PDB file of N, CA and C in Angstrom:
ATOM      1  N   UNK A   1      64.486  59.106 128.429  1.00  0.00           N
ATOM      2  CA  UNK A   1      64.243  60.178 127.482  1.00  0.00           C
ATOM      3  C   UNK A   1      62.840  59.972 126.901  1.00  0.00           C
ATOM      4  N   UNK A   2      62.101  61.069 126.809  1.00  0.00           N
ATOM      5  CA  UNK A   2      60.746  60.998 126.263  1.00  0.00           C
ATOM      6  C   UNK A   2      60.814  60.794 124.751  1.00  0.00           C
ATOM      7  N   UNK A   3      59.794  60.159 124.157  1.00  0.00           N
ATOM      8  CA  UNK A   3      59.846  59.885 122.712  1.00  0.00           C
ATOM      9  C   UNK A   3      59.839  61.138 121.841  1.00  0.00           C
ATOM     10  N   UNK A   4      59.305  62.265 122.335  1.00  0.00           N
ATOM     11  CA  UNK A   4      59.270  63.469 121.498  1.00  0.00           C
ATOM     12  C   UNK A   4      60.601  64.215 121.485  1.00  0.00           C
ATOM     13  N   UNK A   5      61.527  63.846 122.374  1.00  0.00           N
ATOM     14  CA  UNK A   5      62.827  64.498 122.399  1.00  0.00           C
ATOM     15  C   UNK A   5      63.792  63.777 121.464  1.00  0.00           C
ATOM     16  N   UNK A   6      64.669  64.563 120.853  1.00  0.00           N
ATOM     17  CA  UNK A   6      65.664  63.978 119.954  1.00  0.00           C
ATOM     18  C   UNK A   6      67.013  63.930 120.666  1.00  0.00           C
ATOM     19  N   UNK A   7      67.821  62.963 120.353  1.00  0.00           N
ATOM     20  CA  UNK A   7      69.191  62.949 120.895  1.00  0.00           C
ATOM     21  C   UNK A   7      69.979  64.155 120.377  1.00  0.00           C
ATOM     22  N   UNK A   8      71.053  64.489 121.070  1.00  0.00           N
ATOM     23  CA  UNK A   8      71.835  65.679 120.723  1.00  0.00           C
ATOM     24  C   UNK A   8      72.418  65.620 119.313  1.00  0.00           C
ATOM     25  N   UNK A   9      72.812  64.445 118.861  1.00  0.00           N
ATOM     26  CA  UNK A   9      73.458  64.350 117.558  1.00  0.00           C
ATOM     27  C   UNK A   9      72.474  64.453 116.394  1.00  0.00           C
ATOM     28  N   UNK A  10      71.185  64.444 116.659  1.00  0.00           N
ATOM     29  CA  UNK A  10      70.198  64.536 115.585  1.00  0.00           C
ATOM     30  C   UNK A  10      69.473  65.881 115.555  1.00  0.00           C
ATOM     31  N   UNK A  11      69.975  66.887 116.288  1.00  0.00           N
ATOM     32  CA  UNK A  11      69.274  68.167 116.311  1.00  0.00           C
ATOM     33  C   UNK A  11      69.376  68.846 114.940  1.00  0.00           C
ATOM     34  N   UNK A  12      68.326  69.547 114.581  1.00  0.00           N
ATOM     35  CA  UNK A  12      68.279  70.178 113.261  1.00  0.00           C
ATOM     36  C   UNK A  12      68.982  71.537 113.310  1.00  0.00           C
ATOM     37  N   UNK A  13      69.664  71.855 112.229  1.00  0.00           N
ATOM     38  CA  UNK A  13      70.331  73.144 112.102  1.00  0.00           C
ATOM     39  C   UNK A  13      69.667  73.906 110.962  1.00  0.00           C
ATOM     40  N   UNK A  14      69.390  75.184 111.193  1.00  0.00           N
ATOM     41  CA  UNK A  14      68.757  76.018 110.176  1.00  0.00           C
ATOM     42  C   UNK A  14      69.787  76.402 109.123  1.00  0.00           C
ATOM     43  N   UNK A  15      69.462  76.141 107.865  1.00  0.00           N
ATOM     44  CA  UNK A  15      70.355  76.494 106.761  1.00  0.00           C
ATOM     45  C   UNK A  15      69.645  77.547 105.912  1.00  0.00           C
ATOM     46  N   UNK A  16      70.099  78.800 105.969  1.00  0.00           N
ATOM     47  CA  UNK A  16      69.396  79.897 105.288  1.00  0.00           C
ATOM     48  C   UNK A  16      69.721  79.959 103.791  1.00  0.00           C
ATOM     49  N   UNK A  17      69.336  78.925 103.036  1.00  0.00           N
ATOM     50  CA  UNK A  17      69.652  78.911 101.608  1.00  0.00           C
ATOM     51  C   UNK A  17      68.933  80.025 100.864  1.00  0.00           C
ATOM     52  N   UNK A  18      67.678  80.266 101.165  1.00  0.00           N
ATOM     53  CA  UNK A  18      66.922  81.313 100.483  1.00  0.00           C
ATOM     54  C   UNK A  18      67.476  82.691 100.763  1.00  0.00           C
ATOM     55  N   UNK A  19      67.885  82.921 101.994  1.00  0.00           N
ATOM     56  CA  UNK A  19      68.456  84.213 102.366  1.00  0.00           C
ATOM     57  C   UNK A  19      69.771  84.443 101.634  1.00  0.00           C
ATOM     58  N   UNK A  20      70.587  83.432 101.550  1.00  0.00           N
ATOM     59  CA  UNK A  20      71.869  83.554 100.845  1.00  0.00           C
ATOM     60  C   UNK A  20      71.614  83.843  99.369  1.00  0.00           C
ATOM     61  N   UNK A  21      70.642  83.188  98.773  1.00  0.00           N
ATOM     62  CA  UNK A  21      70.323  83.433  97.370  1.00  0.00           C
ATOM     63  C   UNK A  21      69.881  84.878  97.152  1.00  0.00           C
ATOM     64  N   UNK A  22      69.024  85.383  98.023  1.00  0.00           N
ATOM     65  CA  UNK A  22      68.566  86.769  97.891  1.00  0.00           C
ATOM     66  C   UNK A  22      69.733  87.741  98.043  1.00  0.00           C
ATOM     67  N   UNK A  23      70.627  87.489  98.983  1.00  0.00           N
ATOM     68  CA  UNK A  23      71.781  88.374  99.172  1.00  0.00           C
ATOM     69  C   UNK A  23      72.711  88.350  97.966  1.00  0.00           C
ATOM     70  N   UNK A  24      72.925  87.174  97.374  1.00  0.00           N
ATOM     71  CA  UNK A  24      73.782  87.073  96.183  1.00  0.00           C
ATOM     72  C   UNK A  24      73.142  87.814  95.013  1.00  0.00           C
ATOM     73  N   UNK A  25      71.837  87.642  94.815  1.00  0.00           N
ATOM     74  CA  UNK A  25      71.145  88.362  93.747  1.00  0.00           C
ATOM     75  C   UNK A  25      71.208  89.868  93.972  1.00  0.00           C
ATOM     76  N   UNK A  26      71.032  90.308  95.201  1.00  0.00           N
ATOM     77  CA  UNK A  26      71.109  91.727  95.524  1.00  0.00           C
ATOM     78  C   UNK A  26      72.508  92.264  95.228  1.00  0.00           C
ATOM     79  N   UNK A  27      73.538  91.518  95.616  1.00  0.00           N
ATOM     80  CA  UNK A  27      74.919  91.938  95.378  1.00  0.00           C
ATOM     81  C   UNK A  27      75.191  92.104  93.885  1.00  0.00           C
ATOM     82  N   UNK A  28      74.797  91.106  93.089  1.00  0.00           N
ATOM     83  CA  UNK A  28      75.058  91.187  91.651  1.00  0.00           C
ATOM     84  C   UNK A  28      74.229  92.283  90.993  1.00  0.00           C
ATOM     85  N   UNK A  29      73.035  92.553  91.508  1.00  0.00           N
ATOM     86  CA  UNK A  29      72.230  93.652  90.982  1.00  0.00           C
ATOM     87  C   UNK A  29      72.913  94.987  91.236  1.00  0.00           C
ATOM     88  N   UNK A  30      73.431  95.186  92.438  1.00  0.00           N
ATOM     89  CA  UNK A  30      74.131  96.433  92.766  1.00  0.00           C
ATOM     90  C   UNK A  30      75.383  96.586  91.898  1.00  0.00           C
ATOM     91  N   UNK A  31      76.135  95.510  91.739  1.00  0.00           N
ATOM     92  CA  UNK A  31      77.346  95.567  90.904  1.00  0.00           C
ATOM     93  C   UNK A  31      76.979  95.901  89.460  1.00  0.00           C
ATOM     94  N   UNK A  32      75.905  95.298  88.938  1.00  0.00           N
ATOM     95  CA  UNK A  32      75.485  95.557  87.561  1.00  0.00           C
ATOM     96  C   UNK A  32      75.043  97.013  87.393  1.00  0.00           C
ATOM     97  N   UNK A  33      74.305  97.543  88.350  1.00  0.00           N
ATOM     98  CA  UNK A  33      73.853  98.934  88.251  1.00  0.00           C
ATOM     99  C   UNK A  33      75.021  99.908  88.306  1.00  0.00           C
ATOM    100  N   UNK A  34      75.969  99.679  89.211  1.00  0.00           N
ATOM    101  CA  UNK A  34      77.138 100.547  89.276  1.00  0.00           C
ATOM    102  C   UNK A  34      77.969 100.434  87.997  1.00  0.00           C
ATOM    103  N   UNK A  35      78.094  99.236  87.464  1.00  0.00           N
ATOM    104  CA  UNK A  35      78.826  99.058  86.206  1.00  0.00           C
ATOM    105  C   UNK A  35      78.158  99.789  85.060  1.00  0.00           C
ATOM    106  N   UNK A  36      76.835  99.764  85.013  1.00  0.00           N
ATOM    107  CA  UNK A  36      76.086 100.469  83.972  1.00  0.00           C
ATOM    108  C   UNK A  36      76.310 101.977  84.070  1.00  0.00           C
ATOM    109  N   UNK A  37      76.250 102.509  85.272  1.00  0.00           N
ATOM    110  CA  UNK A  37      76.487 103.937  85.471  1.00  0.00           C
ATOM    111  C   UNK A  37      77.927 104.292  85.094  1.00  0.00           C
ATOM    112  N   UNK A  38      78.863 103.442  85.460  1.00  0.00           N
ATOM    113  CA  UNK A  38      80.267 103.682  85.115  1.00  0.00           C
ATOM    114  C   UNK A  38      80.452 103.722  83.600  1.00  0.00           C
ATOM    115  N   UNK A  39      79.841 102.777  82.888  1.00  0.00           N
ATOM    116  CA  UNK A  39      79.978 102.761  81.431  1.00  0.00           C
ATOM    117  C   UNK A  39      79.346 104.000  80.802  1.00  0.00           C
ATOM    118  N   UNK A  40      78.243 104.464  81.326  1.00  0.00           N
ATOM    119  CA  UNK A  40      77.626 105.691  80.809  1.00  0.00           C
ATOM    120  C   UNK A  40      78.576 106.869  81.010  1.00  0.00           C
ATOM    121  N   UNK A  41      79.168 106.963  82.201  1.00  0.00           N
ATOM    122  CA  UNK A  41      80.075 108.079  82.469  1.00  0.00           C
ATOM    123  C   UNK A  41      81.321 108.009  81.588  1.00  0.00           C
ATOM    124  N   UNK A  42      81.850 106.835  81.357  1.00  0.00           N
ATOM    125  CA  UNK A  42      83.037 106.686  80.507  1.00  0.00           C
ATOM    126  C   UNK A  42      82.697 107.016  79.066  1.00  0.00           C
ATOM    127  N   UNK A  43      81.529 106.614  78.599  1.00  0.00           N
ATOM    128  CA  UNK A  43      81.157 106.865  77.211  1.00  0.00           C
ATOM    129  C   UNK A  43      80.914 108.345  76.942  1.00  0.00           C
ATOM    130  N   UNK A  44      80.546 109.105  77.954  1.00  0.00           N
ATOM    131  CA  UNK A  44      80.322 110.541  77.770  1.00  0.00           C
ATOM    132  C   UNK A  44      81.615 111.338  77.821  1.00  0.00           C
ATOM    133  N   UNK A  45      82.673 110.729  78.266  1.00  0.00           N
ATOM    134  CA  UNK A  45      83.968 111.412  78.328  1.00  0.00           C
ATOM    135  C   UNK A  45      84.116 112.215  79.601  1.00  0.00           C
ATOM    136  N   UNK A  46      85.332 112.684  79.838  1.00  0.00           N
ATOM    137  CA  UNK A  46      85.621 113.443  81.038  1.00  0.00           C
ATOM    138  C   UNK A  46      85.279 114.909  80.814  1.00  0.00           C
ATOM    139  N   UNK A  47      84.601 115.478  81.765  1.00  0.00           N
ATOM    140  CA  UNK A  47      84.286 116.907  81.711  1.00  0.00           C
ATOM    141  C   UNK A  47      85.162 117.628  82.713  1.00  0.00           C
ATOM    142  N   UNK A  48      86.215 118.260  82.205  1.00  0.00           N
ATOM    143  CA  UNK A  48      87.133 118.974  83.101  1.00  0.00           C
ATOM    144  C   UNK A  48      86.791 120.457  83.080  1.00  0.00           C
ATOM    145  N   UNK A  49      86.901 121.143  84.194  1.00  0.00           N
ATOM    146  CA  UNK A  49      86.572 122.573  84.227  1.00  0.00           C
ATOM    147  C   UNK A  49      87.604 123.427  83.540  1.00  0.00           C
TER     148      UNK A  49
END
């Protein structure tokens, strides 16, 4: 085996920590915005025809 090659048990695995953080922040932002709109609609009362 050449010195620049790594054995199979030492291969690196990509861990997308930054991507997961961005997705979690995006999810909570969407939930917060929908919750804000929901509270505005509830506070204005129901408009029935």
